[in-house]
Protein backbone atom coordinates (compact mmCIF):
# COMPACT_ATOMS: atom_id res chain seq x y z
CA MET A 1 -31.60 -90.74 40.37
CA LYS A 2 -33.28 -94.25 40.46
CA LEU A 3 -36.80 -94.50 40.12
CA LYS A 4 -36.84 -96.35 43.55
CA THR A 5 -34.90 -93.74 45.30
CA LYS A 6 -37.44 -90.94 43.82
CA PHE A 7 -40.13 -93.01 45.20
CA ILE A 8 -38.84 -93.35 48.63
CA ILE A 9 -37.98 -89.52 48.94
CA ALA A 10 -41.59 -88.67 47.89
CA THR A 11 -43.01 -91.08 50.12
CA LEU A 12 -40.67 -89.66 53.17
CA LEU A 13 -41.63 -86.12 52.10
CA LEU A 14 -45.59 -87.04 51.93
CA ALA A 15 -45.13 -88.75 55.25
CA ILE A 16 -43.41 -85.78 56.90
CA PHE A 17 -46.21 -83.51 55.80
CA ILE A 18 -48.85 -85.89 57.06
CA VAL A 19 -47.04 -86.17 60.66
CA ASP A 20 -47.20 -82.23 60.57
CA MET A 21 -51.03 -82.12 59.71
CA ILE A 22 -51.86 -84.79 62.39
CA TRP A 23 -49.85 -82.82 64.90
CA TRP A 24 -51.87 -79.74 63.96
CA PHE A 25 -55.17 -81.65 64.25
CA ARG A 26 -54.12 -82.85 67.61
CA VAL A 27 -53.14 -79.49 69.08
CA SER A 28 -56.23 -77.84 67.44
CA ASP A 29 -58.77 -80.49 68.96
CA ASN A 30 -57.27 -80.04 72.48
CA ASN A 31 -57.86 -76.29 72.60
CA SER A 32 -60.91 -74.06 72.28
CA SER A 33 -59.19 -71.13 71.05
CA PHE A 34 -57.48 -70.72 67.75
CA GLU A 35 -55.05 -68.39 68.97
CA ILE A 36 -53.92 -70.79 71.90
CA ALA A 37 -54.11 -73.67 69.47
CA LYS A 38 -51.75 -71.89 66.76
CA ASN A 39 -49.29 -71.00 69.68
CA ASN A 40 -49.17 -74.28 70.94
CA TYR A 41 -48.67 -75.76 67.29
CA LEU A 42 -45.55 -73.24 66.75
CA ALA A 43 -44.13 -74.05 70.08
CA ALA A 44 -42.98 -77.43 68.60
CA PHE A 45 -40.71 -75.65 66.17
CA PRO A 46 -37.62 -73.92 66.43
CA ALA A 47 -37.79 -69.93 66.81
CA PHE A 48 -36.91 -69.21 63.53
CA LEU A 49 -39.53 -71.47 61.94
CA GLN A 50 -42.21 -70.06 64.19
CA ASN A 51 -44.12 -68.25 61.61
CA THR A 52 -47.30 -69.73 59.86
CA LEU A 53 -46.92 -68.14 56.36
CA LEU A 54 -43.18 -69.74 56.30
CA LEU A 55 -44.47 -72.97 57.56
CA THR A 56 -47.25 -73.13 55.02
CA GLY A 57 -44.62 -72.22 52.42
CA ILE A 58 -42.31 -75.02 53.32
CA ALA A 59 -45.11 -77.49 53.50
CA ILE A 60 -46.33 -76.41 49.78
CA ALA A 61 -42.94 -77.00 48.39
CA ILE A 62 -42.62 -80.48 50.28
CA LEU A 63 -45.66 -81.41 48.78
CA VAL A 64 -45.24 -80.32 45.09
CA ILE A 65 -41.64 -81.94 45.53
CA SER A 66 -43.18 -84.96 46.55
CA GLY A 67 -45.89 -84.91 43.71
CA ILE A 68 -43.28 -84.23 40.87
CA PHE A 69 -41.18 -87.15 42.21
CA PHE A 70 -44.54 -89.14 42.24
CA VAL A 71 -44.90 -88.35 38.66
CA GLN A 72 -41.49 -89.31 37.73
CA THR A 73 -41.87 -92.71 39.35
CA ARG A 74 -45.02 -93.69 37.52
CA LYS A 75 -42.93 -94.67 34.62
CA GLY A 76 -42.23 -97.77 36.55
CA ASN A 77 -44.31 -100.77 36.15
CA LYS A 78 -44.18 -101.90 39.91
CA LEU A 79 -44.94 -98.46 41.39
CA GLN A 80 -47.55 -97.09 39.03
CA THR A 81 -50.76 -97.41 40.86
CA VAL A 82 -49.04 -96.54 44.27
CA SER A 83 -47.38 -93.26 42.40
CA THR A 84 -50.65 -92.33 40.99
CA VAL A 85 -52.12 -92.32 44.25
CA GLY A 86 -49.48 -90.59 45.95
CA PHE A 87 -49.31 -87.97 43.18
CA CYS A 88 -52.87 -87.02 43.52
CA LEU A 89 -52.69 -87.08 47.66
CA SER A 90 -49.59 -84.92 47.35
CA PHE A 91 -50.95 -82.24 44.60
CA THR A 92 -54.69 -82.33 46.37
CA LEU A 93 -52.93 -81.46 49.82
CA ALA A 94 -50.56 -78.69 48.45
CA PHE A 95 -53.70 -76.99 46.89
CA TRP A 96 -55.40 -77.18 50.08
CA GLN A 97 -52.27 -75.80 51.69
CA LEU A 98 -52.24 -72.88 48.98
CA PHE A 99 -56.05 -72.33 49.80
CA SER A 100 -55.41 -72.03 53.55
CA LEU A 101 -53.20 -69.03 52.74
CA MET A 102 -56.16 -67.01 51.49
């Protein structure tokens, strides 16, 4: 796979996660109760995905794949700086998600 294609895939995966986090922040900001916020957040997903552990696992997988693709695209001269930032951001967010499981 070309470096540019991997970079685009990594960027899209990271963007999907960031949109998901923005959705969580917006939902949790509008509700005073954690349970209500969690239920409102999960209501946006289909029934088979309405499990917080499953969603967190998917988020970690998306971020790790994104981080790996960013590491692989650091070899290109044009994308080196942006890929390094994406790599650091992806793995930092993946560890944050892993920590949220505890």
